[in-house]
N, C-alpha and C. Protein backbone atom coordinates (compact mmCIF):
# COMPACT_ATOMS: atom_id res chain seq x y z
N UNK A 1 -22.38 -68.12 -18.18
CA UNK A 1 -23.29 -67.49 -17.24
C UNK A 1 -22.54 -67.28 -15.91
N UNK A 2 -22.52 -66.06 -15.43
CA UNK A 2 -21.81 -65.72 -14.20
C UNK A 2 -22.57 -66.23 -12.98
N UNK A 3 -21.87 -66.88 -12.05
CA UNK A 3 -22.53 -67.27 -10.80
C UNK A 3 -23.02 -66.03 -10.06
N UNK A 4 -24.05 -66.22 -9.25
CA UNK A 4 -24.60 -65.12 -8.46
C UNK A 4 -24.59 -65.50 -6.98
N UNK A 5 -24.67 -64.49 -6.15
CA UNK A 5 -24.71 -64.72 -4.70
C UNK A 5 -26.15 -64.68 -4.21
N UNK A 6 -26.35 -65.22 -3.02
CA UNK A 6 -27.68 -65.18 -2.41
C UNK A 6 -28.09 -63.73 -2.16
N UNK A 7 -27.12 -62.90 -1.78
CA UNK A 7 -27.42 -61.49 -1.51
C UNK A 7 -28.00 -60.79 -2.73
N UNK A 8 -27.62 -61.20 -3.91
CA UNK A 8 -28.14 -60.58 -5.13
C UNK A 8 -29.62 -60.89 -5.36
N UNK A 9 -30.12 -61.94 -4.72
CA UNK A 9 -31.53 -62.30 -4.89
C UNK A 9 -32.39 -61.81 -3.72
N UNK A 10 -31.75 -61.27 -2.69
CA UNK A 10 -32.48 -60.92 -1.47
C UNK A 10 -33.66 -60.01 -1.77
N UNK A 11 -34.80 -60.38 -1.22
CA UNK A 11 -36.03 -59.63 -1.38
C UNK A 11 -36.65 -59.45 -0.01
N UNK A 12 -37.00 -58.22 0.32
CA UNK A 12 -37.61 -57.91 1.60
C UNK A 12 -38.93 -57.19 1.34
N UNK A 13 -40.01 -57.75 1.86
CA UNK A 13 -41.33 -57.15 1.72
C UNK A 13 -41.91 -56.92 3.11
N UNK A 14 -42.28 -55.69 3.39
CA UNK A 14 -42.86 -55.35 4.69
C UNK A 14 -44.27 -54.81 4.48
N UNK A 15 -45.19 -55.27 5.33
CA UNK A 15 -46.59 -54.87 5.20
C UNK A 15 -47.26 -54.97 6.57
N UNK A 16 -48.43 -54.40 6.65
CA UNK A 16 -49.24 -54.37 7.86
C UNK A 16 -50.35 -55.40 7.75
N UNK A 17 -50.72 -56.05 8.86
CA UNK A 17 -51.83 -57.01 8.87
C UNK A 17 -53.12 -56.23 9.09
N UNK A 18 -54.00 -56.29 8.11
CA UNK A 18 -55.27 -55.56 8.14
C UNK A 18 -56.42 -56.48 8.56
N UNK A 19 -57.54 -55.89 9.01
CA UNK A 19 -58.68 -56.71 9.47
C UNK A 19 -59.20 -57.72 8.44
N UNK A 20 -59.20 -57.36 7.17
CA UNK A 20 -59.73 -58.27 6.14
C UNK A 20 -58.82 -59.47 5.89
N UNK A 21 -57.62 -59.47 6.48
CA UNK A 21 -56.65 -60.55 6.28
C UNK A 21 -56.54 -61.48 7.49
N UNK A 22 -57.47 -61.31 8.44
CA UNK A 22 -57.38 -62.09 9.68
C UNK A 22 -58.53 -63.06 9.85
N UNK A 23 -58.29 -64.05 10.67
CA UNK A 23 -59.30 -65.06 11.00
C UNK A 23 -60.14 -64.56 12.18
N UNK A 24 -61.11 -65.35 12.64
CA UNK A 24 -61.98 -64.90 13.73
C UNK A 24 -61.29 -64.55 15.05
N UNK A 25 -60.06 -65.02 15.25
CA UNK A 25 -59.34 -64.64 16.47
C UNK A 25 -58.27 -63.57 16.19
N UNK A 26 -58.48 -62.86 15.09
CA UNK A 26 -57.65 -61.70 14.73
C UNK A 26 -56.17 -62.00 14.49
N UNK A 27 -55.90 -63.17 13.92
CA UNK A 27 -54.54 -63.50 13.48
C UNK A 27 -54.53 -63.61 11.96
N UNK A 28 -53.41 -63.30 11.36
CA UNK A 28 -53.26 -63.37 9.90
C UNK A 28 -53.61 -64.76 9.40
N UNK A 29 -54.45 -64.84 8.37
CA UNK A 29 -54.76 -66.12 7.74
C UNK A 29 -53.47 -66.75 7.23
N UNK A 30 -53.34 -68.07 7.41
CA UNK A 30 -52.17 -68.79 6.88
C UNK A 30 -52.05 -68.63 5.38
N UNK A 31 -53.19 -68.68 4.69
CA UNK A 31 -53.17 -68.53 3.23
C UNK A 31 -52.68 -67.17 2.79
N UNK A 32 -53.00 -66.16 3.55
CA UNK A 32 -52.52 -64.80 3.25
C UNK A 32 -51.00 -64.75 3.40
N UNK A 33 -50.49 -65.37 4.46
CA UNK A 33 -49.04 -65.40 4.64
C UNK A 33 -48.38 -66.20 3.51
N UNK A 34 -48.98 -67.32 3.12
CA UNK A 34 -48.44 -68.11 2.01
C UNK A 34 -48.36 -67.28 0.73
N UNK A 35 -49.38 -66.49 0.46
CA UNK A 35 -49.37 -65.65 -0.74
C UNK A 35 -48.26 -64.60 -0.67
N UNK A 36 -48.10 -63.99 0.50
CA UNK A 36 -47.02 -63.00 0.66
C UNK A 36 -45.66 -63.66 0.44
N UNK A 37 -45.49 -64.85 1.01
CA UNK A 37 -44.22 -65.56 0.86
C UNK A 37 -43.99 -65.95 -0.60
N UNK A 38 -45.04 -66.38 -1.29
CA UNK A 38 -44.91 -66.76 -2.70
C UNK A 38 -44.46 -65.57 -3.55
N UNK A 39 -45.03 -64.40 -3.28
CA UNK A 39 -44.62 -63.20 -4.04
C UNK A 39 -43.16 -62.85 -3.78
N UNK A 40 -42.77 -62.84 -2.50
CA UNK A 40 -41.38 -62.51 -2.18
C UNK A 40 -40.42 -63.53 -2.78
N UNK A 41 -40.77 -64.81 -2.66
CA UNK A 41 -39.91 -65.87 -3.19
C UNK A 41 -39.79 -65.78 -4.71
N UNK A 42 -40.89 -65.46 -5.38
CA UNK A 42 -40.83 -65.38 -6.84
C UNK A 42 -39.95 -64.22 -7.29
N UNK A 43 -39.96 -63.13 -6.55
CA UNK A 43 -39.08 -62.00 -6.89
C UNK A 43 -37.62 -62.41 -6.68
N UNK A 44 -37.34 -63.09 -5.56
CA UNK A 44 -35.97 -63.55 -5.32
C UNK A 44 -35.50 -64.49 -6.43
N UNK A 45 -36.37 -65.44 -6.81
CA UNK A 45 -36.02 -66.39 -7.88
C UNK A 45 -35.81 -65.67 -9.21
N UNK A 46 -36.63 -64.69 -9.48
CA UNK A 46 -36.48 -63.93 -10.72
C UNK A 46 -35.19 -63.12 -10.72
N UNK A 47 -34.86 -62.54 -9.56
CA UNK A 47 -33.60 -61.78 -9.46
C UNK A 47 -32.40 -62.68 -9.71
N UNK A 48 -32.47 -63.90 -9.21
CA UNK A 48 -31.35 -64.82 -9.42
C UNK A 48 -31.26 -65.27 -10.88
N UNK A 49 -32.38 -65.70 -11.41
CA UNK A 49 -32.38 -66.32 -12.75
C UNK A 49 -32.46 -65.32 -13.89
N UNK A 50 -33.00 -64.14 -13.61
CA UNK A 50 -33.26 -63.13 -14.66
C UNK A 50 -34.18 -63.69 -15.74
N UNK A 51 -35.09 -64.55 -15.31
CA UNK A 51 -36.04 -65.20 -16.22
C UNK A 51 -37.43 -65.16 -15.60
N UNK A 52 -38.42 -65.59 -16.39
CA UNK A 52 -39.75 -65.84 -15.87
C UNK A 52 -39.62 -67.04 -14.94
N UNK A 53 -40.29 -67.00 -13.79
CA UNK A 53 -40.23 -68.14 -12.86
C UNK A 53 -41.63 -68.57 -12.48
N UNK A 54 -41.75 -69.85 -12.21
CA UNK A 54 -43.03 -70.41 -11.75
C UNK A 54 -42.78 -71.20 -10.48
N UNK A 55 -43.76 -71.19 -9.59
CA UNK A 55 -43.66 -71.94 -8.35
C UNK A 55 -43.79 -73.42 -8.68
N UNK A 56 -42.80 -74.21 -8.31
CA UNK A 56 -42.84 -75.65 -8.54
C UNK A 56 -43.39 -76.37 -7.31
N UNK A 57 -42.99 -75.90 -6.13
CA UNK A 57 -43.49 -76.54 -4.92
C UNK A 57 -43.27 -75.66 -3.70
N UNK A 58 -44.10 -75.92 -2.72
CA UNK A 58 -43.91 -75.35 -1.39
C UNK A 58 -43.42 -76.52 -0.57
N UNK A 59 -42.12 -76.55 -0.30
CA UNK A 59 -41.49 -77.71 0.30
C UNK A 59 -41.68 -77.79 1.80
N UNK A 60 -41.74 -76.64 2.43
CA UNK A 60 -41.81 -76.62 3.89
C UNK A 60 -42.39 -75.28 4.33
N UNK A 61 -43.29 -75.34 5.29
CA UNK A 61 -43.80 -74.12 5.92
C UNK A 61 -43.92 -74.41 7.41
N UNK A 62 -43.39 -73.52 8.22
CA UNK A 62 -43.51 -73.65 9.67
C UNK A 62 -44.22 -72.42 10.20
N UNK A 63 -45.46 -72.60 10.64
CA UNK A 63 -46.22 -71.52 11.27
C UNK A 63 -45.92 -71.59 12.77
N UNK A 64 -44.81 -71.02 13.18
CA UNK A 64 -44.35 -71.13 14.57
C UNK A 64 -45.02 -70.15 15.52
N UNK A 65 -45.46 -69.03 15.00
CA UNK A 65 -46.01 -67.99 15.87
C UNK A 65 -47.17 -67.31 15.13
N UNK A 66 -48.26 -67.09 15.83
CA UNK A 66 -49.39 -66.37 15.24
C UNK A 66 -48.98 -64.93 14.98
N UNK A 67 -49.56 -64.36 13.92
CA UNK A 67 -49.26 -62.97 13.56
C UNK A 67 -50.54 -62.17 13.76
N UNK A 68 -50.60 -61.37 14.83
CA UNK A 68 -51.84 -60.68 15.17
C UNK A 68 -52.16 -59.47 14.29
N UNK A 69 -53.44 -59.14 14.28
CA UNK A 69 -53.95 -57.95 13.59
C UNK A 69 -53.10 -56.73 13.98
N UNK A 70 -52.76 -55.93 12.99
CA UNK A 70 -52.00 -54.71 13.24
C UNK A 70 -50.50 -54.91 13.24
N UNK A 71 -50.04 -56.15 13.15
CA UNK A 71 -48.59 -56.42 13.16
C UNK A 71 -47.93 -55.90 11.89
N UNK A 72 -46.69 -55.47 12.05
CA UNK A 72 -45.84 -55.18 10.91
C UNK A 72 -45.09 -56.47 10.62
N UNK A 73 -45.29 -56.99 9.41
CA UNK A 73 -44.73 -58.28 9.01
C UNK A 73 -43.70 -58.06 7.91
N UNK A 74 -42.54 -58.65 8.07
CA UNK A 74 -41.49 -58.58 7.05
C UNK A 74 -41.17 -59.98 6.58
N UNK A 75 -41.23 -60.18 5.28
CA UNK A 75 -40.88 -61.45 4.65
C UNK A 75 -39.55 -61.23 3.94
N UNK A 76 -38.55 -62.04 4.30
CA UNK A 76 -37.24 -61.98 3.65
C UNK A 76 -37.04 -63.27 2.86
N UNK A 77 -36.68 -63.13 1.60
CA UNK A 77 -36.48 -64.30 0.74
C UNK A 77 -35.11 -64.19 0.06
N UNK A 78 -34.44 -65.34 -0.03
CA UNK A 78 -33.16 -65.43 -0.74
C UNK A 78 -33.08 -66.80 -1.40
N UNK A 79 -32.50 -66.85 -2.57
CA UNK A 79 -32.23 -68.14 -3.19
C UNK A 79 -31.17 -68.83 -2.34
N UNK A 80 -31.44 -70.08 -1.94
CA UNK A 80 -30.49 -70.81 -1.12
C UNK A 80 -29.64 -71.78 -1.94
N UNK A 81 -30.15 -72.19 -3.11
CA UNK A 81 -29.36 -73.03 -4.01
C UNK A 81 -30.00 -73.01 -5.38
N UNK A 82 -29.16 -73.02 -6.41
CA UNK A 82 -29.64 -73.09 -7.79
C UNK A 82 -29.19 -74.43 -8.37
N UNK A 83 -30.08 -75.06 -9.08
CA UNK A 83 -29.76 -76.32 -9.75
C UNK A 83 -29.71 -76.03 -11.26
N UNK A 84 -30.13 -76.93 -12.09
CA UNK A 84 -30.06 -76.70 -13.53
C UNK A 84 -31.02 -75.59 -13.97
N UNK A 85 -32.30 -75.78 -13.70
CA UNK A 85 -33.30 -74.75 -14.03
C UNK A 85 -34.15 -74.38 -12.82
N UNK A 86 -33.99 -75.13 -11.74
CA UNK A 86 -34.77 -74.86 -10.54
C UNK A 86 -33.90 -74.21 -9.48
N UNK A 87 -34.58 -73.57 -8.54
CA UNK A 87 -33.86 -72.97 -7.42
C UNK A 87 -34.72 -73.06 -6.18
N UNK A 88 -34.04 -73.27 -5.06
CA UNK A 88 -34.70 -73.29 -3.78
C UNK A 88 -34.62 -71.89 -3.19
N UNK A 89 -35.73 -71.42 -2.65
CA UNK A 89 -35.78 -70.11 -2.02
C UNK A 89 -36.16 -70.31 -0.56
N UNK A 90 -35.35 -69.77 0.33
CA UNK A 90 -35.58 -69.87 1.76
C UNK A 90 -36.18 -68.56 2.24
N UNK A 91 -37.25 -68.66 3.03
CA UNK A 91 -37.93 -67.46 3.52
C UNK A 91 -37.94 -67.42 5.04
N UNK A 92 -37.71 -66.24 5.57
CA UNK A 92 -37.84 -65.98 6.99
C UNK A 92 -38.90 -64.90 7.16
N UNK A 93 -39.82 -65.10 8.11
CA UNK A 93 -40.90 -64.15 8.36
C UNK A 93 -40.70 -63.56 9.75
N UNK A 94 -40.71 -62.25 9.83
CA UNK A 94 -40.47 -61.53 11.08
C UNK A 94 -41.66 -60.66 11.43
N UNK A 95 -41.94 -60.55 12.72
CA UNK A 95 -42.93 -59.57 13.17
C UNK A 95 -42.21 -58.58 14.08
N UNK A 96 -42.66 -57.35 13.99
CA UNK A 96 -42.02 -56.27 14.74
C UNK A 96 -42.80 -56.01 16.02
N UNK A 97 -42.11 -56.02 17.16
CA UNK A 97 -42.76 -55.72 18.42
C UNK A 97 -43.17 -54.25 18.42
N UNK A 98 -44.44 -53.99 18.74
CA UNK A 98 -44.96 -52.62 18.67
C UNK A 98 -44.23 -51.65 19.58
N UNK A 99 -43.86 -52.11 20.76
CA UNK A 99 -43.27 -51.20 21.75
C UNK A 99 -41.76 -51.06 21.59
N UNK A 100 -41.06 -52.19 21.45
CA UNK A 100 -39.59 -52.12 21.41
C UNK A 100 -39.04 -51.95 20.00
N UNK A 101 -39.82 -52.35 18.99
CA UNK A 101 -39.33 -52.32 17.61
C UNK A 101 -38.49 -53.53 17.27
N UNK A 102 -38.29 -54.41 18.25
CA UNK A 102 -37.49 -55.62 18.03
C UNK A 102 -38.21 -56.54 17.04
N UNK A 103 -37.44 -57.15 16.15
CA UNK A 103 -38.01 -58.11 15.20
C UNK A 103 -37.86 -59.53 15.75
N UNK A 104 -38.98 -60.26 15.72
CA UNK A 104 -39.03 -61.62 16.23
C UNK A 104 -39.36 -62.55 15.07
N UNK A 105 -38.58 -63.63 14.93
CA UNK A 105 -38.86 -64.58 13.85
C UNK A 105 -40.14 -65.33 14.16
N UNK A 106 -41.09 -65.26 13.24
CA UNK A 106 -42.39 -65.88 13.46
C UNK A 106 -42.53 -67.18 12.67
N UNK A 107 -42.05 -67.20 11.46
CA UNK A 107 -42.27 -68.34 10.57
C UNK A 107 -41.12 -68.46 9.58
N UNK A 108 -41.08 -69.61 8.90
CA UNK A 108 -40.11 -69.80 7.83
C UNK A 108 -40.72 -70.75 6.81
N UNK A 109 -40.15 -70.72 5.63
CA UNK A 109 -40.64 -71.59 4.57
C UNK A 109 -39.55 -71.82 3.53
N UNK A 110 -39.76 -72.86 2.74
CA UNK A 110 -38.86 -73.17 1.63
C UNK A 110 -39.73 -73.44 0.40
N UNK A 111 -39.50 -72.68 -0.64
CA UNK A 111 -40.22 -72.84 -1.90
C UNK A 111 -39.22 -73.26 -2.98
N UNK A 112 -39.73 -73.91 -4.03
CA UNK A 112 -38.92 -74.22 -5.20
C UNK A 112 -39.55 -73.56 -6.42
N UNK A 113 -38.71 -72.90 -7.20
CA UNK A 113 -39.14 -72.25 -8.44
C UNK A 113 -38.36 -72.82 -9.60
N UNK A 114 -38.97 -72.74 -10.78
CA UNK A 114 -38.30 -73.14 -12.01
C UNK A 114 -38.29 -71.94 -12.95
N UNK A 115 -37.14 -71.69 -13.55
CA UNK A 115 -37.01 -70.63 -14.54
C UNK A 115 -37.46 -71.19 -15.89
N UNK A 116 -38.28 -70.42 -16.59
CA UNK A 116 -38.83 -70.88 -17.87
C UNK A 116 -38.69 -69.79 -18.94
N UNK A 117 -38.79 -70.23 -20.20
CA UNK A 117 -38.81 -69.27 -21.29
C UNK A 117 -40.25 -68.84 -21.56
N UNK A 118 -40.46 -68.08 -22.62
CA UNK A 118 -41.79 -67.55 -22.92
C UNK A 118 -42.82 -68.62 -23.26
N UNK A 119 -42.34 -69.83 -23.58
CA UNK A 119 -43.27 -70.92 -23.89
C UNK A 119 -43.49 -71.84 -22.68
N UNK A 120 -42.84 -71.53 -21.57
CA UNK A 120 -43.01 -72.33 -20.37
C UNK A 120 -42.03 -73.48 -20.23
N UNK A 121 -41.02 -73.52 -21.10
CA UNK A 121 -40.03 -74.59 -21.01
C UNK A 121 -38.89 -74.19 -20.07
N UNK A 122 -38.45 -75.13 -19.24
CA UNK A 122 -37.36 -74.82 -18.30
C UNK A 122 -36.09 -74.36 -19.03
N UNK A 123 -35.40 -73.41 -18.43
CA UNK A 123 -34.14 -72.89 -19.00
C UNK A 123 -33.05 -72.95 -17.94
N UNK A 124 -31.83 -73.07 -18.40
CA UNK A 124 -30.67 -73.15 -17.52
C UNK A 124 -30.46 -71.81 -16.81
N UNK A 125 -30.02 -71.90 -15.55
CA UNK A 125 -29.79 -70.69 -14.76
C UNK A 125 -28.37 -70.69 -14.19
N UNK A 126 -27.96 -69.54 -13.70
CA UNK A 126 -26.63 -69.40 -13.09
C UNK A 126 -26.56 -70.16 -11.78
N UNK A 127 -25.37 -70.62 -11.44
CA UNK A 127 -25.21 -71.27 -10.14
C UNK A 127 -25.16 -70.22 -9.04
N UNK A 128 -25.36 -70.67 -7.82
CA UNK A 128 -25.35 -69.78 -6.67
C UNK A 128 -24.08 -70.02 -5.86
N UNK A 129 -23.47 -68.94 -5.42
CA UNK A 129 -22.30 -69.02 -4.56
C UNK A 129 -22.67 -68.47 -3.19
N UNK A 130 -22.79 -69.35 -2.18
CA UNK A 130 -23.13 -68.86 -0.84
C UNK A 130 -21.92 -68.16 -0.22
N UNK A 131 -22.20 -67.15 0.60
CA UNK A 131 -21.10 -66.39 1.21
C UNK A 131 -21.07 -66.50 2.73
N UNK A 132 -22.19 -66.33 3.39
CA UNK A 132 -22.21 -66.34 4.85
C UNK A 132 -22.31 -67.77 5.38
N UNK A 133 -22.09 -67.93 6.67
CA UNK A 133 -22.21 -69.24 7.30
C UNK A 133 -23.63 -69.79 7.12
N UNK A 134 -24.64 -68.95 7.37
CA UNK A 134 -26.03 -69.40 7.22
C UNK A 134 -26.33 -69.77 5.77
N UNK A 135 -25.87 -68.96 4.82
CA UNK A 135 -26.09 -69.28 3.39
C UNK A 135 -25.44 -70.61 3.03
N UNK A 136 -24.26 -70.87 3.56
CA UNK A 136 -23.56 -72.14 3.27
C UNK A 136 -24.32 -73.32 3.88
N UNK A 137 -24.86 -73.16 5.08
CA UNK A 137 -25.65 -74.23 5.70
C UNK A 137 -26.90 -74.52 4.88
N UNK A 138 -27.59 -73.47 4.48
CA UNK A 138 -28.81 -73.66 3.69
C UNK A 138 -28.50 -74.25 2.31
N UNK A 139 -27.39 -73.84 1.73
CA UNK A 139 -26.95 -74.35 0.43
C UNK A 139 -26.72 -75.86 0.50
N UNK A 140 -25.95 -76.30 1.50
CA UNK A 140 -25.66 -77.73 1.66
C UNK A 140 -26.94 -78.53 1.92
N UNK A 141 -27.80 -78.02 2.77
CA UNK A 141 -29.04 -78.73 3.12
C UNK A 141 -29.99 -78.82 1.93
N UNK A 142 -29.91 -77.87 1.01
CA UNK A 142 -30.81 -77.85 -0.14
C UNK A 142 -30.66 -79.09 -1.00
N UNK A 143 -29.44 -79.57 -1.18
CA UNK A 143 -29.23 -80.77 -1.99
C UNK A 143 -29.85 -81.99 -1.31
N UNK A 144 -29.73 -82.08 0.02
CA UNK A 144 -30.38 -83.19 0.74
C UNK A 144 -31.89 -83.13 0.58
N UNK A 145 -32.44 -81.91 0.71
CA UNK A 145 -33.90 -81.77 0.56
C UNK A 145 -34.34 -82.15 -0.85
N UNK A 146 -33.55 -81.76 -1.85
CA UNK A 146 -33.92 -82.08 -3.23
C UNK A 146 -33.87 -83.60 -3.45
N UNK A 147 -32.82 -84.23 -2.97
CA UNK A 147 -32.71 -85.68 -3.15
C UNK A 147 -33.84 -86.41 -2.43
N UNK A 148 -34.17 -85.97 -1.23
CA UNK A 148 -35.28 -86.60 -0.49
C UNK A 148 -36.58 -86.45 -1.26
N UNK A 149 -36.81 -85.28 -1.80
CA UNK A 149 -38.02 -85.03 -2.58
C UNK A 149 -38.08 -85.94 -3.81
N UNK A 150 -36.95 -86.09 -4.49
CA UNK A 150 -36.90 -86.94 -5.69
C UNK A 150 -37.11 -88.41 -5.33
N UNK A 151 -36.55 -88.85 -4.21
CA UNK A 151 -36.73 -90.23 -3.77
C UNK A 151 -38.20 -90.47 -3.44
N UNK A 152 -38.81 -89.56 -2.69
CA UNK A 152 -40.21 -89.72 -2.31
C UNK A 152 -41.15 -89.68 -3.51
N UNK A 153 -40.77 -88.94 -4.54
CA UNK A 153 -41.59 -88.86 -5.75
C UNK A 153 -41.33 -90.03 -6.70
N UNK A 154 -40.38 -90.91 -6.36
CA UNK A 154 -40.06 -92.04 -7.22
C UNK A 154 -39.22 -91.66 -8.42
N UNK A 155 -38.60 -90.49 -8.39
CA UNK A 155 -37.79 -90.02 -9.52
C UNK A 155 -36.30 -90.28 -9.32
N UNK A 156 -35.94 -90.80 -8.13
CA UNK A 156 -34.55 -91.13 -7.83
C UNK A 156 -34.55 -92.38 -6.96
N UNK A 157 -33.62 -93.29 -7.25
CA UNK A 157 -33.48 -94.47 -6.41
C UNK A 157 -32.83 -94.06 -5.10
N UNK A 158 -33.29 -94.60 -3.98
CA UNK A 158 -32.66 -94.27 -2.70
C UNK A 158 -31.15 -94.51 -2.71
N UNK A 159 -30.72 -95.54 -3.44
CA UNK A 159 -29.29 -95.85 -3.49
C UNK A 159 -28.48 -94.77 -4.22
N UNK A 160 -29.16 -93.96 -5.04
CA UNK A 160 -28.47 -92.88 -5.76
C UNK A 160 -28.45 -91.56 -4.98
N UNK A 161 -29.15 -91.51 -3.87
CA UNK A 161 -29.24 -90.28 -3.07
C UNK A 161 -28.01 -90.17 -2.17
N UNK A 162 -26.90 -89.79 -2.76
CA UNK A 162 -25.61 -89.79 -2.06
C UNK A 162 -25.61 -88.89 -0.83
N UNK A 163 -26.26 -87.76 -0.90
CA UNK A 163 -26.28 -86.84 0.24
C UNK A 163 -27.08 -87.41 1.41
N UNK A 164 -28.12 -88.16 1.10
CA UNK A 164 -28.93 -88.76 2.16
C UNK A 164 -28.17 -89.94 2.79
N UNK A 165 -27.50 -90.74 1.96
CA UNK A 165 -26.73 -91.87 2.48
C UNK A 165 -25.63 -91.38 3.42
N UNK A 166 -25.04 -90.24 3.08
CA UNK A 166 -23.94 -89.70 3.89
C UNK A 166 -24.41 -89.35 5.31
N UNK A 167 -25.69 -89.04 5.47
CA UNK A 167 -26.22 -88.73 6.80
C UNK A 167 -26.18 -89.93 7.74
N UNK A 168 -26.23 -91.14 7.15
CA UNK A 168 -26.34 -92.35 7.96
C UNK A 168 -25.06 -93.16 8.01
N UNK A 169 -24.00 -92.66 7.42
CA UNK A 169 -22.72 -93.40 7.42
C UNK A 169 -21.86 -93.03 8.59
């Protein structure tokens, strides 16, 4: 199986915030943004794995900036690391300034997907080769996040979490 780059999984979805998608103070519902991010992330994961993918977890979401009614919202998703059958997808959410056209980072998230066969069983996927400085940073951090998640779930002994131990040495 040939390794793939993060760029090969890149998915960009741009849409407008409509009145039916906003809360009483005319900002995009968080759940609506989560759904948009899930769709973009699943496409990125599918592009990387070339398989059916399912959302395994939403590891992190940062709602840093409200997204007002009428905003042009762009969700960018890329696989940040591939493991045996799972992959971490990092998402950046941008809003476009109406007057200047400048894009401002509003939110970010990290999702985990698992590649499966037609019966829902996990399947092996290609490894990811990061290319840019940011991709390399996210790639390295992904292993720490995975180990922390496994330790917290009781699926890994803290003493076996080598990447986490290295942070404190």
